[in-house]
PDB file of N, CA and C in Angstrom:
ATOM      1  N   MET A   1      -4.625  17.620  15.024  1.00  0.00           N
ATOM      2  CA  MET A   1      -3.819  16.520  14.538  1.00  0.00           C
ATOM      3  C   MET A   1      -3.522  16.784  13.070  1.00  0.00           C
ATOM      4  N   ASN A   2      -2.292  16.585  12.704  1.00  0.00           N
ATOM      5  CA  ASN A   2      -1.841  16.792  11.333  1.00  0.00           C
ATOM      6  C   ASN A   2      -1.196  15.496  10.875  1.00  0.00           C
ATOM      7  N   PHE A   3      -1.623  14.959   9.746  1.00  0.00           N
ATOM      8  CA  PHE A   3      -0.914  13.786   9.238  1.00  0.00           C
ATOM      9  C   PHE A   3      -0.621  13.957   7.764  1.00  0.00           C
ATOM     10  N   THR A   4       0.554  13.455   7.381  1.00  0.00           N
ATOM     11  CA  THR A   4       1.075  13.615   6.033  1.00  0.00           C
ATOM     12  C   THR A   4       1.485  12.262   5.501  1.00  0.00           C
ATOM     13  N   ARG A   5       1.083  11.936   4.279  1.00  0.00           N
ATOM     14  CA  ARG A   5       1.567  10.726   3.614  1.00  0.00           C
ATOM     15  C   ARG A   5       2.982  11.029   3.163  1.00  0.00           C
ATOM     16  N   ALA A   6       3.943  10.251   3.636  1.00  0.00           N
ATOM     17  CA  ALA A   6       5.352  10.586   3.471  1.00  0.00           C
ATOM     18  C   ALA A   6       5.813  10.589   2.020  1.00  0.00           C
ATOM     19  N   GLU A   7       5.242   9.769   1.145  1.00  0.00           N
ATOM     20  CA  GLU A   7       5.723   9.660  -0.236  1.00  0.00           C
ATOM     21  C   GLU A   7       5.012  10.613  -1.194  1.00  0.00           C
ATOM     22  N   ALA A   8       4.114  11.440  -0.704  1.00  0.00           N
ATOM     23  CA  ALA A   8       3.336  12.267  -1.632  1.00  0.00           C
ATOM     24  C   ALA A   8       3.075  13.635  -1.016  1.00  0.00           C
ATOM     25  N   ASN A   9       2.669  14.549  -1.834  1.00  0.00           N
ATOM     26  CA  ASN A   9       2.258  15.863  -1.347  1.00  0.00           C
ATOM     27  C   ASN A   9       0.824  15.767  -0.853  1.00  0.00           C
ATOM     28  N   PHE A  10       0.668  15.307   0.366  1.00  0.00           N
ATOM     29  CA  PHE A  10      -0.654  15.059   0.923  1.00  0.00           C
ATOM     30  C   PHE A  10      -0.604  15.390   2.406  1.00  0.00           C
ATOM     31  N   THR A  11      -1.401  16.316   2.849  1.00  0.00           N
ATOM     32  CA  THR A  11      -1.497  16.645   4.275  1.00  0.00           C
ATOM     33  C   THR A  11      -2.961  16.824   4.620  1.00  0.00           C
ATOM     34  N   LYS A  12      -3.348  16.290   5.760  1.00  0.00           N
ATOM     35  CA  LYS A  12      -4.721  16.458   6.237  1.00  0.00           C
ATOM     36  C   LYS A  12      -4.663  16.898   7.690  1.00  0.00           C
ATOM     37  N   VAL A  13      -5.496  17.839   8.055  1.00  0.00           N
ATOM     38  CA  VAL A  13      -5.576  18.343   9.422  1.00  0.00           C
ATOM     39  C   VAL A  13      -6.947  17.984   9.978  1.00  0.00           C
ATOM     40  N   ILE A  14      -6.964  17.435  11.190  1.00  0.00           N
ATOM     41  CA  ILE A  14      -8.212  17.064  11.854  1.00  0.00           C
ATOM     42  C   ILE A  14      -8.290  17.847  13.163  1.00  0.00           C
ATOM     43  N   ILE A  15      -9.409  18.485  13.429  1.00  0.00           N
ATOM     44  CA  ILE A  15      -9.633  19.179  14.690  1.00  0.00           C
ATOM     45  C   ILE A  15     -10.420  18.240  15.611  1.00  0.00           C
ATOM     46  N   ILE A  16      -9.855  17.981  16.779  1.00  0.00           N
ATOM     47  CA  ILE A  16     -10.441  17.044  17.743  1.00  0.00           C
ATOM     48  C   ILE A  16     -10.957  17.857  18.936  1.00  0.00           C
ATOM     49  N   PRO A  17     -12.139  17.538  19.478  1.00  0.00           N
ATOM     50  CA  PRO A  17     -12.644  18.263  20.654  1.00  0.00           C
ATOM     51  C   PRO A  17     -11.692  18.132  21.855  1.00  0.00           C
ATOM     52  N   PRO A  18     -11.681  19.102  22.769  1.00  0.00           N
ATOM     53  CA  PRO A  18     -10.725  19.103  23.871  1.00  0.00           C
ATOM     54  C   PRO A  18     -10.903  17.974  24.885  1.00  0.00           C
ATOM     55  N   ASP A  19     -12.067  17.356  24.936  1.00  0.00           N
ATOM     56  CA  ASP A  19     -12.291  16.271  25.908  1.00  0.00           C
ATOM     57  C   ASP A  19     -11.954  14.893  25.338  1.00  0.00           C
ATOM     58  N   VAL A  20     -11.413  14.830  24.126  1.00  0.00           N
ATOM     59  CA  VAL A  20     -11.060  13.565  23.472  1.00  0.00           C
ATOM     60  C   VAL A  20      -9.547  13.411  23.493  1.00  0.00           C
ATOM     61  N   ILE A  21      -9.069  12.211  23.901  1.00  0.00           N
ATOM     62  CA  ILE A  21      -7.616  12.006  23.974  1.00  0.00           C
ATOM     63  C   ILE A  21      -7.117  10.915  23.031  1.00  0.00           C
ATOM     64  N   ASN A  22      -7.975  10.441  22.130  1.00  0.00           N
ATOM     65  CA  ASN A  22      -7.521   9.531  21.082  1.00  0.00           C
ATOM     66  C   ASN A  22      -8.453   9.661  19.889  1.00  0.00           C
ATOM     67  N   HIS A  23      -7.975   9.217  18.735  1.00  0.00           N
ATOM     68  CA  HIS A  23      -8.767   9.360  17.510  1.00  0.00           C
ATOM     69  C   HIS A  23      -8.334   8.286  16.516  1.00  0.00           C
ATOM     70  N   HIS A  24      -9.282   7.643  15.861  1.00  0.00           N
ATOM     71  CA  HIS A  24      -8.992   6.684  14.793  1.00  0.00           C
ATOM     72  C   HIS A  24      -8.932   7.438  13.470  1.00  0.00           C
ATOM     73  N   VAL A  25      -7.769   7.460  12.868  1.00  0.00           N
ATOM     74  CA  VAL A  25      -7.618   8.069  11.542  1.00  0.00           C
ATOM     75  C   VAL A  25      -7.982   6.980  10.534  1.00  0.00           C
ATOM     76  N   THR A  26      -8.943   7.232   9.686  1.00  0.00           N
ATOM     77  CA  THR A  26      -9.425   6.225   8.751  1.00  0.00           C
ATOM     78  C   THR A  26      -9.196   6.671   7.315  1.00  0.00           C
ATOM     79  N   GLY A  27      -9.433   5.752   6.376  1.00  0.00           N
ATOM     80  CA  GLY A  27      -9.314   6.069   4.960  1.00  0.00           C
ATOM     81  C   GLY A  27      -7.873   6.150   4.484  1.00  0.00           C
ATOM     82  N   LEU A  28      -6.959   5.522   5.221  1.00  0.00           N
ATOM     83  CA  LEU A  28      -5.547   5.557   4.843  1.00  0.00           C
ATOM     84  C   LEU A  28      -5.240   4.492   3.793  1.00  0.00           C
ATOM     85  N   MET A  29      -4.140   4.667   3.108  1.00  0.00           N
ATOM     86  CA  MET A  29      -3.710   3.701   2.100  1.00  0.00           C
ATOM     87  C   MET A  29      -2.985   2.540   2.782  1.00  0.00           C
ATOM     88  N   LYS A  30      -3.067   1.360   2.175  1.00  0.00           N
ATOM     89  CA  LYS A  30      -2.422   0.171   2.712  1.00  0.00           C
ATOM     90  C   LYS A  30      -0.902   0.292   2.629  1.00  0.00           C
ATOM     91  N   TYR A  31      -0.216  -0.216   3.647  1.00  0.00           N
ATOM     92  CA  TYR A  31       1.243  -0.275   3.719  1.00  0.00           C
ATOM     93  C   TYR A  31       1.881   1.023   3.230  1.00  0.00           C
ATOM     94  N   THR A  32       1.507   2.094   3.903  1.00  0.00           N
ATOM     95  CA  THR A  32       1.983   3.424   3.533  1.00  0.00           C
ATOM     96  C   THR A  32       2.524   4.115   4.781  1.00  0.00           C
ATOM     97  N   ARG A  33       3.591   4.850   4.609  1.00  0.00           N
ATOM     98  CA  ARG A  33       4.204   5.581   5.709  1.00  0.00           C
ATOM     99  C   ARG A  33       3.530   6.942   5.852  1.00  0.00           C
ATOM    100  N   TYR A  34       3.206   7.289   7.085  1.00  0.00           N
ATOM    101  CA  TYR A  34       2.604   8.582   7.408  1.00  0.00           C
ATOM    102  C   TYR A  34       3.417   9.262   8.494  1.00  0.00           C
ATOM    103  N   VAL A  35       3.390  10.580   8.501  1.00  0.00           N
ATOM    104  CA  VAL A  35       4.013  11.387   9.535  1.00  0.00           C
ATOM    105  C   VAL A  35       2.876  12.073  10.293  1.00  0.00           C
ATOM    106  N   ILE A  36       2.844  11.890  11.618  1.00  0.00           N
ATOM    107  CA  ILE A  36       1.770  12.444  12.442  1.00  0.00           C
ATOM    108  C   ILE A  36       2.365  13.407  13.463  1.00  0.00           C
ATOM    109  N   SER A  37       1.706  14.552  13.651  1.00  0.00           N
ATOM    110  CA  SER A  37       2.090  15.485  14.714  1.00  0.00           C
ATOM    111  C   SER A  37       0.812  16.033  15.340  1.00  0.00           C
ATOM    112  N   LEU A  38       0.945  16.543  16.544  1.00  0.00           N
ATOM    113  CA  LEU A  38      -0.192  17.040  17.303  1.00  0.00           C
ATOM    114  C   LEU A  38       0.143  18.414  17.870  1.00  0.00           C
ATOM    115  N   ALA A  39      -0.836  19.276  17.957  1.00  0.00           N
ATOM    116  CA  ALA A  39      -0.676  20.581  18.604  1.00  0.00           C
ATOM    117  C   ALA A  39      -2.002  20.974  19.227  1.00  0.00           C
ATOM    118  N   ALA A  40      -1.940  21.670  20.342  1.00  0.00           N
ATOM    119  CA  ALA A  40      -3.153  22.209  20.950  1.00  0.00           C
ATOM    120  C   ALA A  40      -3.517  23.512  20.240  1.00  0.00           C
ATOM    121  N   VAL A  41      -4.802  23.793  20.215  1.00  0.00           N
ATOM    122  CA  VAL A  41      -5.271  25.014  19.560  1.00  0.00           C
ATOM    123  C   VAL A  41      -6.291  25.696  20.483  1.00  0.00           C
ATOM    124  N   ASN A  42      -6.252  27.009  20.534  1.00  0.00           N
ATOM    125  CA  ASN A  42      -7.259  27.763  21.291  1.00  0.00           C
ATOM    126  C   ASN A  42      -7.740  28.943  20.445  1.00  0.00           C
ATOM    127  N   GLU A  43      -8.465  29.872  21.065  1.00  0.00           N
ATOM    128  CA  GLU A  43      -9.014  31.003  20.310  1.00  0.00           C
ATOM    129  C   GLU A  43      -7.935  31.902  19.717  1.00  0.00           C
ATOM    130  N   ILE A  44      -6.766  31.905  20.328  1.00  0.00           N
ATOM    131  CA  ILE A  44      -5.671  32.754  19.847  1.00  0.00           C
ATOM    132  C   ILE A  44      -4.976  32.128  18.651  1.00  0.00           C
ATOM    133  N   GLY A  45      -4.920  30.792  18.636  1.00  0.00           N
ATOM    134  CA  GLY A  45      -4.274  30.136  17.509  1.00  0.00           C
ATOM    135  C   GLY A  45      -3.681  28.778  17.861  1.00  0.00           C
ATOM    136  N   LEU A  46      -2.761  28.377  17.033  1.00  0.00           N
ATOM    137  CA  LEU A  46      -2.132  27.049  17.114  1.00  0.00           C
ATOM    138  C   LEU A  46      -0.910  27.103  18.012  1.00  0.00           C
ATOM    139  N   GLY A  47      -0.815  26.146  18.937  1.00  0.00           N
ATOM    140  CA  GLY A  47       0.343  26.053  19.815  1.00  0.00           C
ATOM    141  C   GLY A  47       1.498  25.340  19.141  1.00  0.00           C
ATOM    142  N   VAL A  48       2.501  25.009  19.929  1.00  0.00           N
ATOM    143  CA  VAL A  48       3.690  24.326  19.439  1.00  0.00           C
ATOM    144  C   VAL A  48       3.322  22.896  19.046  1.00  0.00           C
ATOM    145  N   SER A  49       3.824  22.429  17.910  1.00  0.00           N
ATOM    146  CA  SER A  49       3.558  21.058  17.447  1.00  0.00           C
ATOM    147  C   SER A  49       4.475  20.067  18.146  1.00  0.00           C
ATOM    148  N   SER A  50       3.968  18.865  18.332  1.00  0.00           N
ATOM    149  CA  SER A  50       4.781  17.776  18.868  1.00  0.00           C
ATOM    150  C   SER A  50       5.841  17.391  17.853  1.00  0.00           C
ATOM    151  N   ASP A  51       6.791  16.585  18.281  1.00  0.00           N
ATOM    152  CA  ASP A  51       7.727  15.993  17.329  1.00  0.00           C
ATOM    153  C   ASP A  51       6.951  15.112  16.364  1.00  0.00           C
ATOM    154  N   ASP A  52       7.433  15.016  15.145  1.00  0.00           N
ATOM    155  CA  ASP A  52       6.801  14.121  14.167  1.00  0.00           C
ATOM    156  C   ASP A  52       6.979  12.672  14.605  1.00  0.00           C
ATOM    157  N   VAL A  53       5.934  11.890  14.405  1.00  0.00           N
ATOM    158  CA  VAL A  53       5.984  10.446  14.633  1.00  0.00           C
ATOM    159  C   VAL A  53       5.750   9.789  13.287  1.00  0.00           C
ATOM    160  N   ILE A  54       6.633   8.874  12.914  1.00  0.00           N
ATOM    161  CA  ILE A  54       6.488   8.173  11.632  1.00  0.00           C
ATOM    162  C   ILE A  54       5.849   6.822  11.900  1.00  0.00           C
ATOM    163  N   VAL A  55       4.751   6.547  11.218  1.00  0.00           N
ATOM    164  CA  VAL A  55       4.010   5.295  11.387  1.00  0.00           C
ATOM    165  C   VAL A  55       3.725   4.683  10.021  1.00  0.00           C
ATOM    166  N   TRP A  56       3.476   3.390  10.006  1.00  0.00           N
ATOM    167  CA  TRP A  56       3.108   2.659   8.781  1.00  0.00           C
ATOM    168  C   TRP A  56       1.754   2.003   8.994  1.00  0.00           C
ATOM    169  N   THR A  57       0.920   2.010   7.973  1.00  0.00           N
ATOM    170  CA  THR A  57      -0.266   1.164   8.008  1.00  0.00           C
ATOM    171  C   THR A  57       0.192  -0.266   7.725  1.00  0.00           C
ATOM    172  N   GLU A  58      -0.615  -1.233   8.090  1.00  0.00           N
ATOM    173  CA  GLU A  58      -0.215  -2.628   7.954  1.00  0.00           C
ATOM    174  C   GLU A  58      -0.219  -3.114   6.510  1.00  0.00           C
ATOM    175  N   GLU A  59       0.468  -4.236   6.308  1.00  0.00           N
ATOM    176  CA  GLU A  59       0.500  -4.872   4.992  1.00  0.00           C
ATOM    177  C   GLU A  59      -0.856  -5.513   4.695  1.00  0.00           C
ATOM    178  N   ASP A  60      -1.111  -5.738   3.426  1.00  0.00           N
ATOM    179  CA  ASP A  60      -2.311  -6.433   2.982  1.00  0.00           C
ATOM    180  C   ASP A  60      -1.939  -7.245   1.745  1.00  0.00           C
ATOM    181  N   VAL A  61      -2.836  -8.065   1.262  1.00  0.00           N
ATOM    182  CA  VAL A  61      -2.546  -8.869   0.080  1.00  0.00           C
ATOM    183  C   VAL A  61      -2.450  -7.973  -1.155  1.00  0.00           C
ATOM    184  N   PRO A  62      -1.675  -8.375  -2.159  1.00  0.00           N
ATOM    185  CA  PRO A  62      -1.619  -7.595  -3.405  1.00  0.00           C
ATOM    186  C   PRO A  62      -3.015  -7.426  -4.010  1.00  0.00           C
ATOM    187  N   SER A  63      -3.235  -6.272  -4.637  1.00  0.00           N
ATOM    188  CA  SER A  63      -4.565  -5.962  -5.152  1.00  0.00           C
ATOM    189  C   SER A  63      -4.733  -6.235  -6.642  1.00  0.00           C
ATOM    190  N   ARG A  64      -3.689  -6.726  -7.295  1.00  0.00           N
ATOM    191  CA  ARG A  64      -3.850  -7.141  -8.686  1.00  0.00           C
ATOM    192  C   ARG A  64      -2.753  -8.132  -9.040  1.00  0.00           C
ATOM    193  N   ALA A  65      -2.964  -8.818 -10.133  1.00  0.00           N
ATOM    194  CA  ALA A  65      -1.988  -9.804 -10.611  1.00  0.00           C
ATOM    195  C   ALA A  65      -0.916  -9.108 -11.446  1.00  0.00           C
ATOM    196  N   PRO A  66       0.270  -9.721 -11.540  1.00  0.00           N
ATOM    197  CA  PRO A  66       1.274  -9.182 -12.466  1.00  0.00           C
ATOM    198  C   PRO A  66       0.778  -9.313 -13.899  1.00  0.00           C
ATOM    199  N   ASN A  67       1.261  -8.470 -14.779  1.00  0.00           N
ATOM    200  CA  ASN A  67       0.908  -8.557 -16.195  1.00  0.00           C
ATOM    201  C   ASN A  67       1.725  -9.671 -16.842  1.00  0.00           C
ATOM    202  N   VAL A  68       1.034 -10.660 -17.399  1.00  0.00           N
ATOM    203  CA  VAL A  68       1.687 -11.732 -18.145  1.00  0.00           C
ATOM    204  C   VAL A  68       1.690 -11.330 -19.602  1.00  0.00           C
ATOM    205  N   ASN A  69       2.852 -11.308 -20.175  1.00  0.00           N
ATOM    206  CA  ASN A  69       2.991 -10.929 -21.572  1.00  0.00           C
ATOM    207  C   ASN A  69       2.871 -12.197 -22.422  1.00  0.00           C
ATOM    208  N   ILE A  70       1.726 -12.384 -23.068  1.00  0.00           N
ATOM    209  CA  ILE A  70       1.451 -13.598 -23.832  1.00  0.00           C
ATOM    210  C   ILE A  70       2.485 -13.808 -24.936  1.00  0.00           C
ATOM    211  N   SER A  71       3.010 -12.713 -25.488  1.00  0.00           N
ATOM    212  CA  SER A  71       4.004 -12.862 -26.552  1.00  0.00           C
ATOM    213  C   SER A  71       5.335 -13.383 -26.011  1.00  0.00           C
ATOM    214  N   GLN A  72       5.468 -13.445 -24.695  1.00  0.00           N
ATOM    215  CA  GLN A  72       6.717 -13.935 -24.117  1.00  0.00           C
ATOM    216  C   GLN A  72       6.521 -15.254 -23.378  1.00  0.00           C
ATOM    217  N   ILE A  73       5.627 -16.081 -23.882  1.00  0.00           N
ATOM    218  CA  ILE A  73       5.516 -17.457 -23.406  1.00  0.00           C
ATOM    219  C   ILE A  73       6.248 -18.311 -24.429  1.00  0.00           C
ATOM    220  N   TYR A  74       7.299 -18.945 -23.982  1.00  0.00           N
ATOM    221  CA  TYR A  74       8.170 -19.679 -24.891  1.00  0.00           C
ATOM    222  C   TYR A  74       8.009 -21.179 -24.690  1.00  0.00           C
ATOM    223  N   TYR A  75       7.794 -21.870 -25.786  1.00  0.00           N
ATOM    224  CA  TYR A  75       7.730 -23.330 -25.773  1.00  0.00           C
ATOM    225  C   TYR A  75       9.159 -23.803 -25.989  1.00  0.00           C
ATOM    226  N   THR A  76       9.864 -24.078 -24.912  1.00  0.00           N
ATOM    227  CA  THR A  76      11.297 -24.329 -25.000  1.00  0.00           C
ATOM    228  C   THR A  76      11.637 -25.761 -25.368  1.00  0.00           C
ATOM    229  N   SER A  77      10.712 -26.678 -25.130  1.00  0.00           N
ATOM    230  CA  SER A  77      10.929 -28.074 -25.528  1.00  0.00           C
ATOM    231  C   SER A  77       9.587 -28.783 -25.457  1.00  0.00           C
ATOM    232  N   SER A  78       9.598 -30.088 -25.682  1.00  0.00           N
ATOM    233  CA  SER A  78       8.339 -30.843 -25.629  1.00  0.00           C
ATOM    234  C   SER A  78       7.840 -30.987 -24.189  1.00  0.00           C
ATOM    235  N   THR A  79       8.666 -30.618 -23.216  1.00  0.00           N
ATOM    236  CA  THR A  79       8.258 -30.763 -21.814  1.00  0.00           C
ATOM    237  C   THR A  79       8.425 -29.490 -20.993  1.00  0.00           C
ATOM    238  N   LYS A  80       8.742 -28.350 -21.639  1.00  0.00           N
ATOM    239  CA  LYS A  80       8.972 -27.113 -20.887  1.00  0.00           C
ATOM    240  C   LYS A  80       8.347 -25.911 -21.587  1.00  0.00           C
ATOM    241  N   ILE A  81       7.837 -24.998 -20.776  1.00  0.00           N
ATOM    242  CA  ILE A  81       7.336 -23.702 -21.244  1.00  0.00           C
ATOM    243  C   ILE A  81       7.892 -22.641 -20.295  1.00  0.00           C
ATOM    244  N   ARG A  82       8.420 -21.565 -20.852  1.00  0.00           N
ATOM    245  CA  ARG A  82       8.897 -20.457 -20.024  1.00  0.00           C
ATOM    246  C   ARG A  82       7.891 -19.320 -20.127  1.00  0.00           C
ATOM    247  N   VAL A  83       7.444 -18.825 -18.975  1.00  0.00           N
ATOM    248  CA  VAL A  83       6.465 -17.736 -18.899  1.00  0.00           C
ATOM    249  C   VAL A  83       7.169 -16.499 -18.351  1.00  0.00           C
ATOM    250  N   HIS A  84       6.910 -15.339 -18.955  1.00  0.00           N
ATOM    251  CA  HIS A  84       7.522 -14.084 -18.522  1.00  0.00           C
ATOM    252  C   HIS A  84       6.423 -13.135 -18.075  1.00  0.00           C
ATOM    253  N   TRP A  85       6.677 -12.366 -17.008  1.00  0.00           N
ATOM    254  CA  TRP A  85       5.723 -11.364 -16.548  1.00  0.00           C
ATOM    255  C   TRP A  85       6.459 -10.106 -16.133  1.00  0.00           C
ATOM    256  N   GLU A  86       5.690  -9.021 -16.087  1.00  0.00           N
ATOM    257  CA  GLU A  86       6.220  -7.735 -15.633  1.00  0.00           C
ATOM    258  C   GLU A  86       6.191  -7.710 -14.111  1.00  0.00           C
ATOM    259  N   PRO A  87       7.160  -7.073 -13.476  1.00  0.00           N
ATOM    260  CA  PRO A  87       7.125  -6.970 -12.018  1.00  0.00           C
ATOM    261  C   PRO A  87       5.857  -6.254 -11.562  1.00  0.00           C
ATOM    262  N   LEU A  88       5.322  -6.681 -10.450  1.00  0.00           N
ATOM    263  CA  LEU A  88       4.141  -6.028  -9.890  1.00  0.00           C
ATOM    264  C   LEU A  88       4.550  -4.661  -9.343  1.00  0.00           C
ATOM    265  N   PRO A  89       3.915  -3.582  -9.796  1.00  0.00           N
ATOM    266  CA  PRO A  89       4.252  -2.255  -9.259  1.00  0.00           C
ATOM    267  C   PRO A  89       4.025  -2.210  -7.745  1.00  0.00           C
ATOM    268  N   GLN A  90       4.898  -1.545  -7.027  1.00  0.00           N
ATOM    269  CA  GLN A  90       4.837  -1.498  -5.567  1.00  0.00           C
ATOM    270  C   GLN A  90       3.497  -0.991  -5.057  1.00  0.00           C
ATOM    271  N   ARG A  91       2.852  -0.074  -5.771  1.00  0.00           N
ATOM    272  CA  ARG A  91       1.582   0.485  -5.287  1.00  0.00           C
ATOM    273  C   ARG A  91       0.480  -0.566  -5.215  1.00  0.00           C
ATOM    274  N   PHE A  92       0.668  -1.711  -5.883  1.00  0.00           N
ATOM    275  CA  PHE A  92      -0.315  -2.794  -5.819  1.00  0.00           C
ATOM    276  C   PHE A  92       0.120  -3.916  -4.886  1.00  0.00           C
ATOM    277  N   ALA A  93       1.361  -3.895  -4.402  1.00  0.00           N
ATOM    278  CA  ALA A  93       1.868  -4.968  -3.548  1.00  0.00           C
ATOM    279  C   ALA A  93       1.320  -4.867  -2.124  1.00  0.00           C
ATOM    280  N   HIS A  94       1.133  -3.655  -1.625  1.00  0.00           N
ATOM    281  CA  HIS A  94       0.614  -3.396  -0.277  1.00  0.00           C
ATOM    282  C   HIS A  94       1.445  -4.082   0.804  1.00  0.00           C
ATOM    283  N   GLY A  95       2.743  -4.155   0.588  1.00  0.00           N
ATOM    284  CA  GLY A  95       3.647  -4.758   1.561  1.00  0.00           C
ATOM    285  C   GLY A  95       4.915  -5.199   0.878  1.00  0.00           C
ATOM    286  N   ARG A  96       5.689  -5.995   1.581  1.00  0.00           N
ATOM    287  CA  ARG A  96       6.931  -6.527   1.011  1.00  0.00           C
ATOM    288  C   ARG A  96       6.583  -7.711   0.115  1.00  0.00           C
ATOM    289  N   LEU A  97       6.893  -7.605  -1.143  1.00  0.00           N
ATOM    290  CA  LEU A  97       6.599  -8.667  -2.100  1.00  0.00           C
ATOM    291  C   LEU A  97       7.587  -9.807  -1.874  1.00  0.00           C
ATOM    292  N   LEU A  98       7.079 -10.983  -1.547  1.00  0.00           N
ATOM    293  CA  LEU A  98       7.929 -12.136  -1.256  1.00  0.00           C
ATOM    294  C   LEU A  98       8.208 -12.985  -2.478  1.00  0.00           C
ATOM    295  N   GLY A  99       7.426 -12.840  -3.520  1.00  0.00           N
ATOM    296  CA  GLY A  99       7.630 -13.627  -4.728  1.00  0.00           C
ATOM    297  C   GLY A  99       6.332 -13.763  -5.507  1.00  0.00           C
ATOM    298  N   TYR A 100       6.333 -14.695  -6.439  1.00  0.00           N
ATOM    299  CA  TYR A 100       5.171 -14.945  -7.294  1.00  0.00           C
ATOM    300  C   TYR A 100       4.829 -16.424  -7.231  1.00  0.00           C
ATOM    301  N   ARG A 101       3.559 -16.734  -7.277  1.00  0.00           N
ATOM    302  CA  ARG A 101       3.115 -18.120  -7.323  1.00  0.00           C
ATOM    303  C   ARG A 101       2.663 -18.419  -8.745  1.00  0.00           C
ATOM    304  N   VAL A 102       3.297 -19.389  -9.373  1.00  0.00           N
ATOM    305  CA  VAL A 102       2.919 -19.816 -10.722  1.00  0.00           C
ATOM    306  C   VAL A 102       2.107 -21.092 -10.567  1.00  0.00           C
ATOM    307  N   GLU A 103       0.916 -21.085 -11.111  1.00  0.00           N
ATOM    308  CA  GLU A 103       0.042 -22.264 -11.029  1.00  0.00           C
ATOM    309  C   GLU A 103      -0.229 -22.748 -12.437  1.00  0.00           C
ATOM    310  N   TYR A 104      -0.185 -24.043 -12.622  1.00  0.00           N
ATOM    311  CA  TYR A 104      -0.540 -24.609 -13.922  1.00  0.00           C
ATOM    312  C   TYR A 104      -1.310 -25.899 -13.684  1.00  0.00           C
ATOM    313  N   ARG A 105      -2.110 -26.266 -14.662  1.00  0.00           N
ATOM    314  CA  ARG A 105      -2.919 -27.492 -14.573  1.00  0.00           C
ATOM    315  C   ARG A 105      -3.166 -28.022 -15.974  1.00  0.00           C
ATOM    316  N   GLY A 106      -3.427 -29.267 -16.067  1.00  0.00           N
ATOM    317  CA  GLY A 106      -3.759 -29.871 -17.349  1.00  0.00           C
ATOM    318  C   GLY A 106      -5.143 -29.415 -17.804  1.00  0.00           C
ATOM    319  N   TRP A 107      -5.331 -29.435 -19.110  1.00  0.00           N
ATOM    320  CA  TRP A 107      -6.612 -29.010 -19.668  1.00  0.00           C
ATOM    321  C   TRP A 107      -7.011 -29.967 -20.757  1.00  0.00           C
ATOM    322  N   LYS A 108      -8.264 -30.399 -20.721  1.00  0.00           N
ATOM    323  CA  LYS A 108      -8.821 -31.248 -21.763  1.00  0.00           C
ATOM    324  C   LYS A 108      -9.951 -30.477 -22.419  1.00  0.00           C
ATOM    325  N   GLN A 109      -9.959 -30.473 -23.730  1.00  0.00           N
ATOM    326  CA  GLN A 109     -11.018 -29.777 -24.459  1.00  0.00           C
ATOM    327  C   GLN A 109     -12.352 -30.449 -24.150  1.00  0.00           C
ATOM    328  N   GLY A 110     -13.377 -29.625 -23.936  1.00  0.00           N
ATOM    329  CA  GLY A 110     -14.719 -30.158 -23.679  1.00  0.00           C
ATOM    330  C   GLY A 110     -14.993 -30.413 -22.216  1.00  0.00           C
ATOM    331  N   THR A 111     -14.080 -30.029 -21.345  1.00  0.00           N
ATOM    332  CA  THR A 111     -14.349 -30.215 -19.903  1.00  0.00           C
ATOM    333  C   THR A 111     -14.507 -28.906 -19.214  1.00  0.00           C
TER     334      THR A 111
END
């Protein structure tokens, strides 16, 4: 079994015993495209490879928060504040980024 991470120069080959007809490939990156092919091997060498199959690992929650630039928090009026952040890099999104959740709450000193 040969699998390649489609976006990078990464290839791994796994040799599976002849009596096994399935295998769990583990240690893959989240929401990443891989190309998988299979070929039989004997003492003489490697046979013809199957057609490539393109697969994706599943989505997962983002693994970090966007960077909030404190210097770009604007007090626009007595009742409004504008907050600016950098886009979350795709490698941390682990899927299709649907948006950002902004949460705010009141704060009292001493609580």
